[in-house]
Amino acid sequence: MNILEIKNLTKTYGNKNANDNITVTLENGLYGLLGPNGAGKTTFMKQITTLIEPSKGEIIYNGKNIKELNEEYRAVLGYLPQEFGVYKNFSAQQFLQYVAALKGMNKKQAKNKIKELLELVGLYEVRNKAVDKFSGGMKRRVGIAQALLNDPKILVLDEPTAGLDPQERARFRNLLSQISKDKIIILSTHIISDIESIAKETIMIKDGAMLMKGNHKEILSGMEGKVYCIKTSNENEVMEIQNSYKVVNIQRSIDHVELRVVSDKMPRYENVEIIEPKFEDVYMFYFDLENTREV
C-alpha cells in the first residue's frame, strides 16, 4: 500500500497563495483533479513531483518526508507535464531510451519496458519514426509512455489526454484503470468524462484551496435538487435565463428550447422540473465557465 500525506501545503508567489493550506491523504487508486484554469492544480502537482518547493507544509510518503527520501522518492515518481517537449530528431524509441538512461534503468530492463510501453500506447509500428513528424496526439502518447517507464508508484498526469481522439482517450482510461490498483495516480483534466468513470475520488480545487474531496456518488449527492430543466419557446426568455443562471447546455427542437440549469434555488419559470445531476453539472455549479454548450 502506498500512502501520500499532504499536510497544510501552501505555495506563495508574492502576495498570492497559488496553493492555500491543502491537506489530503491519498492511497492506491486514481484521483481526478478538477478545477478551472488558474485554480492551482499545476502548482499542486509540481510540489508533489518535487519540481517546486512548498512555502509551507509537508509531503509524507509512506511515513517519511519526501525531502528526506530525496532520490529514493523521485525513483518512484512518474510525471507527464501539460507542456511536454521532445528532441525533434529522436525517434520514439530513441527518446524513451534516453529517458530510461536518465532514470537509471539498465539497458536490458529498459529495452523490454520500452517495447511493452510502445505496444501499450499503439506506437510500436512507428517506433523508428522521428517524433517531430508525429501528430499532437501521438506525441502525447510518447509522453504517457515515458511517465510509465520506471513503473512508478506515484503517477502524476497534467492534462494527459489533450490532443487525443475519443478512441485514444478510451484506451488511455482503460490503461489507467488497470494499473491504478497498486499506484497512486493523480489525473488533472478538463475533460470530465476522463475521470467520471474511473476515478476513485475527485479532488476539487478553487482559488488555490481544496474545495472538496469525495467519490462520484458523494459529490453528486451534494447536487441533488440543484439541477433543473427549463422548457420554453420564447427566445427572449432563453436569453434571460442565460443571463440569470448557470446554464450547462441548451438543446433546441422544432418548437421549444430546453435549458439545463444549476442553481441553489428553483428557477421561477412556468415549465421547470428537477432532474438527476451529472458530473458536468458539478463543474458548472462550483466553477464559472465562459461558454454555455449548445446542442
Protein backbone atom coordinates (compact mmCIF):
# COMPACT_ATOMS: atom_id res chain seq x y z
CA MET A 1 0.00 0.00 0.00
CA ASN A 2 1.26 3.47 -0.93
CA ILE A 3 0.22 6.40 1.23
CA LEU A 4 0.87 10.03 0.32
CA GLU A 5 0.02 12.54 3.06
CA ILE A 6 -0.16 16.19 2.06
CA LYS A 7 -0.26 18.45 5.09
CA ASN A 8 -1.06 22.18 5.05
CA LEU A 9 0.55 22.56 1.64
CA THR A 10 0.94 26.23 0.73
CA LYS A 11 2.81 27.87 -2.13
CA THR A 12 3.06 31.65 -2.15
CA TYR A 13 4.12 33.90 -5.01
CA GLY A 14 4.37 37.49 -3.82
CA ASN A 15 1.13 38.26 -2.00
CA LYS A 16 -0.85 35.44 -3.63
CA ASN A 17 -1.26 31.85 -2.48
CA ALA A 18 -1.19 29.58 -5.54
CA ASN A 19 -1.95 26.76 -3.09
CA ASP A 20 -3.54 27.56 0.24
CA ASN A 21 -3.25 25.14 3.15
CA ILE A 22 -4.18 21.95 1.25
CA THR A 23 -4.43 18.84 3.43
CA VAL A 24 -5.33 15.50 1.89
CA THR A 25 -4.32 11.84 2.17
CA LEU A 26 -4.06 9.65 -0.93
CA GLU A 27 -3.81 5.87 -1.14
CA ASN A 28 -3.65 3.43 -4.05
CA GLY A 29 -6.15 4.38 -6.73
CA LEU A 30 -6.87 7.09 -9.26
CA TYR A 31 -7.76 10.61 -8.13
CA GLY A 32 -9.22 13.16 -10.50
CA LEU A 33 -8.02 16.74 -10.01
CA LEU A 34 -10.69 19.18 -11.10
CA GLY A 35 -10.70 22.96 -11.24
CA PRO A 36 -10.67 25.91 -13.64
CA ASN A 37 -7.53 27.38 -15.19
CA GLY A 38 -5.53 29.23 -12.55
CA ALA A 39 -7.02 27.25 -9.66
CA GLY A 40 -3.60 25.95 -8.56
CA LYS A 41 -3.74 22.39 -9.92
CA THR A 42 -0.39 22.51 -11.72
CA THR A 43 1.32 24.13 -8.72
CA PHE A 44 -0.09 21.36 -6.52
CA MET A 45 1.25 18.65 -8.85
CA LYS A 46 4.66 20.30 -9.22
CA GLN A 47 5.11 20.25 -5.45
CA ILE A 48 4.19 16.56 -5.31
CA THR A 49 6.77 15.86 -8.04
CA THR A 50 9.45 17.99 -6.24
CA LEU A 51 9.73 20.45 -9.16
CA ILE A 52 8.96 23.33 -6.80
CA GLU A 53 9.34 23.69 -3.03
CA PRO A 54 6.33 24.41 -0.81
CA SER A 55 6.34 27.72 1.05
CA LYS A 56 4.72 25.92 3.96
CA GLY A 57 3.57 22.41 4.82
CA GLU A 58 4.99 18.99 4.05
CA ILE A 59 4.50 15.89 1.91
CA ILE A 60 4.91 12.48 3.53
CA TYR A 61 5.32 9.28 1.53
CA ASN A 62 4.84 6.03 3.45
CA GLY A 63 5.64 7.76 6.73
CA LYS A 64 8.74 9.70 5.59
CA ASN A 65 9.13 13.29 4.48
CA ILE A 66 9.90 13.39 0.77
CA LYS A 67 12.76 15.85 1.45
CA GLU A 68 14.48 13.17 3.49
CA LEU A 69 13.73 10.47 0.90
CA ASN A 70 15.11 12.71 -1.88
CA GLU A 71 16.24 10.47 -4.80
CA GLU A 72 14.52 7.45 -3.28
CA TYR A 73 11.22 9.32 -3.64
CA ARG A 74 11.96 10.54 -7.18
CA ALA A 75 12.65 6.95 -8.21
CA VAL A 76 9.00 6.05 -7.60
CA LEU A 77 7.61 9.09 -9.46
CA GLY A 78 6.21 9.28 -12.98
CA TYR A 79 5.19 12.68 -14.37
CA LEU A 80 3.63 13.98 -17.56
CA PRO A 81 3.56 17.79 -17.60
CA GLN A 82 0.97 19.77 -19.51
CA GLU A 83 3.65 21.12 -21.85
CA PHE A 84 5.61 18.08 -22.94
CA GLY A 85 8.65 18.56 -25.19
CA VAL A 86 10.81 16.03 -27.02
CA TYR A 87 14.02 16.23 -29.06
CA LYS A 88 12.65 16.56 -32.56
CA ASN A 89 15.26 14.38 -34.31
CA PHE A 90 14.81 11.46 -31.87
CA SER A 91 12.61 8.55 -32.81
CA ALA A 92 10.05 7.44 -30.23
CA GLN A 93 12.29 4.52 -29.29
CA GLN A 94 15.42 6.70 -29.02
CA PHE A 95 13.62 9.22 -26.86
CA LEU A 96 12.39 6.55 -24.45
CA GLN A 97 15.89 5.03 -24.33
CA TYR A 98 17.23 8.48 -23.43
CA VAL A 99 14.66 8.96 -20.65
CA ALA A 100 15.33 5.43 -19.36
CA ALA A 101 19.04 6.27 -19.06
CA LEU A 102 18.20 9.43 -17.12
CA LYS A 103 16.07 7.32 -14.77
CA GLY A 104 19.00 4.95 -14.20
CA MET A 105 17.40 1.88 -15.80
CA ASN A 106 19.76 -0.82 -17.08
CA LYS A 107 19.74 -1.41 -20.85
CA LYS A 108 18.08 -4.83 -20.82
CA GLN A 109 15.37 -3.70 -18.43
CA ALA A 110 14.82 -0.56 -20.48
CA LYS A 111 14.65 -2.42 -23.81
CA ASN A 112 11.92 -4.78 -22.60
CA LYS A 113 9.93 -1.99 -20.91
CA ILE A 114 10.14 0.32 -23.93
CA LYS A 115 8.81 -2.39 -26.25
CA GLU A 116 5.96 -3.12 -23.82
CA LEU A 117 5.02 0.56 -23.50
CA LEU A 118 5.23 1.34 -27.22
CA GLU A 119 2.82 -1.52 -27.84
CA LEU A 120 0.62 -0.33 -24.99
CA VAL A 121 0.26 3.21 -26.40
CA GLY A 122 -0.05 2.00 -30.00
CA LEU A 123 3.27 3.36 -31.32
CA TYR A 124 5.35 0.23 -31.79
CA GLU A 125 4.88 0.18 -35.57
CA VAL A 126 6.22 3.75 -35.84
CA ARG A 127 8.89 3.40 -33.13
CA ASN A 128 11.71 4.41 -35.52
CA LYS A 129 9.92 7.45 -36.92
CA ALA A 130 11.09 10.90 -35.80
CA VAL A 131 8.85 12.24 -33.06
CA ASP A 132 8.88 15.61 -34.82
CA LYS A 133 6.76 14.00 -37.55
CA PHE A 134 4.14 12.76 -35.08
CA SER A 135 0.73 14.32 -34.62
CA GLY A 136 -0.04 16.09 -31.35
CA GLY A 137 -1.92 13.05 -30.08
CA MET A 138 0.97 10.71 -30.94
CA LYS A 139 3.45 12.96 -29.14
CA ARG A 140 1.15 12.87 -26.12
CA ARG A 141 1.26 9.08 -26.21
CA VAL A 142 5.06 9.21 -26.15
CA GLY A 143 4.73 11.39 -23.05
CA ILE A 144 2.43 8.87 -21.42
CA ALA A 145 4.94 6.08 -22.17
CA GLN A 146 7.88 7.99 -20.64
CA ALA A 147 5.86 8.65 -17.47
CA LEU A 148 5.35 4.89 -17.07
CA LEU A 149 8.94 3.82 -17.84
CA ASN A 150 10.08 3.22 -14.26
CA ASP A 151 6.81 1.54 -13.22
CA PRO A 152 6.11 4.45 -10.83
CA LYS A 153 4.23 4.08 -7.56
CA ILE A 154 3.07 7.71 -7.84
CA LEU A 155 1.94 8.80 -11.30
CA VAL A 156 1.08 12.47 -11.87
CA LEU A 157 -0.58 13.41 -15.16
CA ASP A 158 -1.33 17.01 -16.12
CA GLU A 159 -3.92 17.13 -18.93
CA PRO A 160 -2.68 13.79 -20.36
CA THR A 161 -5.46 13.37 -22.94
CA ALA A 162 -5.06 16.78 -24.57
CA GLY A 163 -4.88 16.14 -28.31
CA LEU A 164 -6.04 12.53 -28.11
CA ASP A 165 -9.03 11.43 -30.15
CA PRO A 166 -12.00 9.72 -28.40
CA GLN A 167 -10.68 6.22 -29.16
CA GLU A 168 -7.25 7.08 -27.76
CA ARG A 169 -8.81 8.62 -24.65
CA ALA A 170 -10.87 5.49 -24.05
CA ARG A 171 -7.77 3.31 -24.42
CA PHE A 172 -5.88 5.55 -22.01
CA ARG A 173 -8.69 5.48 -19.42
CA ASN A 174 -8.74 1.68 -19.58
CA LEU A 175 -4.98 1.58 -19.08
CA LEU A 176 -5.12 3.86 -16.04
CA SER A 177 -7.95 1.87 -14.52
CA GLN A 178 -5.92 -1.30 -14.98
CA ILE A 179 -2.71 -0.03 -13.35
CA SER A 180 -4.24 2.06 -10.56
CA LYS A 181 -4.71 -0.85 -8.15
CA ASP A 182 -1.11 -0.61 -6.90
CA LYS A 183 -0.32 3.03 -7.66
CA ILE A 184 -1.40 6.49 -6.60
CA ILE A 185 -2.48 8.24 -9.81
CA ILE A 186 -3.31 11.94 -9.89
CA LEU A 187 -5.03 12.98 -13.10
CA SER A 188 -5.71 16.63 -13.86
CA THR A 189 -8.08 17.23 -16.75
CA HIS A 190 -10.80 19.49 -18.12
CA ILE A 191 -12.42 16.52 -19.85
CA ILE A 192 -14.86 15.39 -17.18
CA SER A 193 -15.53 12.03 -18.86
CA ASP A 194 -11.85 11.15 -18.34
CA ILE A 195 -12.35 10.93 -14.59
CA GLU A 196 -16.09 10.39 -14.26
CA SER A 197 -15.96 6.64 -14.85
CA ILE A 198 -12.55 5.67 -13.44
CA ALA A 199 -11.65 8.00 -10.54
CA LYS A 200 -11.71 6.52 -7.04
CA GLU A 201 -12.24 10.06 -5.78
CA THR A 202 -12.20 13.57 -7.21
CA ILE A 203 -10.35 16.47 -5.61
CA MET A 204 -11.77 19.86 -6.48
CA ILE A 205 -9.54 22.93 -6.21
CA LYS A 206 -10.69 26.52 -6.40
CA ASP A 207 -8.63 29.68 -5.81
CA GLY A 208 -5.71 27.56 -4.62
CA ALA A 209 -7.67 25.81 -1.86
CA MET A 210 -9.26 22.37 -1.74
CA LEU A 211 -12.99 22.78 -2.20
CA MET A 212 -13.94 19.15 -1.62
CA LYS A 213 -12.82 15.54 -2.00
CA GLY A 214 -15.12 12.59 -2.47
CA ASN A 215 -16.19 9.72 -4.66
CA HIS A 216 -18.56 10.13 -7.57
CA LYS A 217 -21.65 9.26 -5.54
CA GLU A 218 -20.76 11.59 -2.65
CA ILE A 219 -20.12 14.56 -4.92
CA LEU A 220 -23.30 14.02 -6.94
CA SER A 221 -25.38 13.66 -3.77
CA GLY A 222 -24.50 17.26 -2.94
CA MET A 223 -26.09 18.32 -6.23
CA GLU A 224 -29.49 16.73 -5.57
CA GLY A 225 -32.25 19.29 -6.07
CA LYS A 226 -29.90 21.80 -7.74
CA VAL A 227 -30.22 20.76 -11.39
CA TYR A 228 -33.24 21.83 -13.46
CA CYS A 229 -34.64 21.53 -16.95
CA ILE A 230 -36.42 24.63 -18.18
CA LYS A 231 -38.53 24.36 -21.36
CA THR A 232 -39.54 27.45 -23.27
CA SER A 233 -40.45 28.56 -26.78
CA ASN A 234 -39.69 32.22 -26.03
CA GLU A 235 -36.24 33.30 -27.32
CA ASN A 236 -36.26 36.36 -25.06
CA GLU A 237 -36.77 34.03 -22.12
CA VAL A 238 -33.83 31.91 -23.29
CA MET A 239 -31.59 34.99 -23.16
CA GLU A 240 -32.99 35.97 -19.76
CA ILE A 241 -32.27 32.51 -18.32
CA GLN A 242 -28.71 32.58 -19.67
CA ASN A 243 -28.13 35.97 -18.06
CA SER A 244 -29.63 34.92 -14.72
CA TYR A 245 -28.45 31.32 -14.20
CA LYS A 246 -25.57 28.95 -14.82
CA VAL A 247 -26.68 27.07 -17.92
CA VAL A 248 -24.89 23.76 -18.53
CA ASN A 249 -26.28 23.27 -22.03
CA ILE A 250 -29.05 24.28 -24.40
CA GLN A 251 -30.91 21.81 -26.58
CA ARG A 252 -33.16 23.03 -29.36
CA SER A 253 -36.03 21.18 -31.02
CA ILE A 254 -38.55 22.34 -33.61
CA ASP A 255 -41.00 24.03 -31.25
CA HIS A 256 -39.12 24.65 -27.99
CA VAL A 257 -35.77 25.03 -26.24
CA GLU A 258 -34.59 23.01 -23.22
CA LEU A 259 -32.05 24.58 -20.89
CA ARG A 260 -30.15 22.55 -18.30
CA VAL A 261 -29.60 24.85 -15.32
CA VAL A 262 -27.77 24.54 -11.99
CA SER A 263 -28.96 26.72 -9.12
CA ASP A 264 -29.33 26.74 -5.33
CA LYS A 265 -32.96 27.76 -5.78
CA MET A 266 -35.63 26.59 -8.21
CA PRO A 267 -35.87 29.00 -11.18
CA ARG A 268 -39.19 30.84 -11.34
CA TYR A 269 -40.40 29.80 -14.75
CA GLU A 270 -43.57 28.08 -15.84
CA ASN A 271 -42.14 24.84 -17.22
CA VAL A 272 -39.40 23.75 -14.78
CA GLU A 273 -38.56 20.31 -13.40
CA ILE A 274 -35.84 18.95 -11.10
CA ILE A 275 -33.62 16.42 -12.91
CA GLU A 276 -30.86 14.00 -11.93
CA PRO A 277 -27.42 15.62 -11.65
CA LYS A 278 -24.47 14.67 -13.83
CA PHE A 279 -20.80 15.28 -13.21
CA GLU A 280 -20.64 18.18 -15.67
CA ASP A 281 -23.29 19.91 -13.54
CA VAL A 282 -20.88 19.81 -10.60
CA TYR A 283 -18.24 21.66 -12.59
CA MET A 284 -20.66 24.34 -13.71
CA PHE A 285 -22.11 24.77 -10.23
CA TYR A 286 -18.80 25.32 -8.47
CA PHE A 287 -16.74 26.92 -11.23
CA ASP A 288 -17.77 29.70 -13.57
CA LEU A 289 -17.48 28.75 -17.23
CA GLU A 290 -17.20 31.27 -20.04
CA ASN A 291 -19.33 29.41 -22.55
CA THR A 292 -22.59 27.50 -22.39
CA ARG A 293 -22.67 24.36 -24.52
CA GLU A 294 -25.46 24.41 -27.11
CA VAL A 295 -26.51 21.16 -28.80
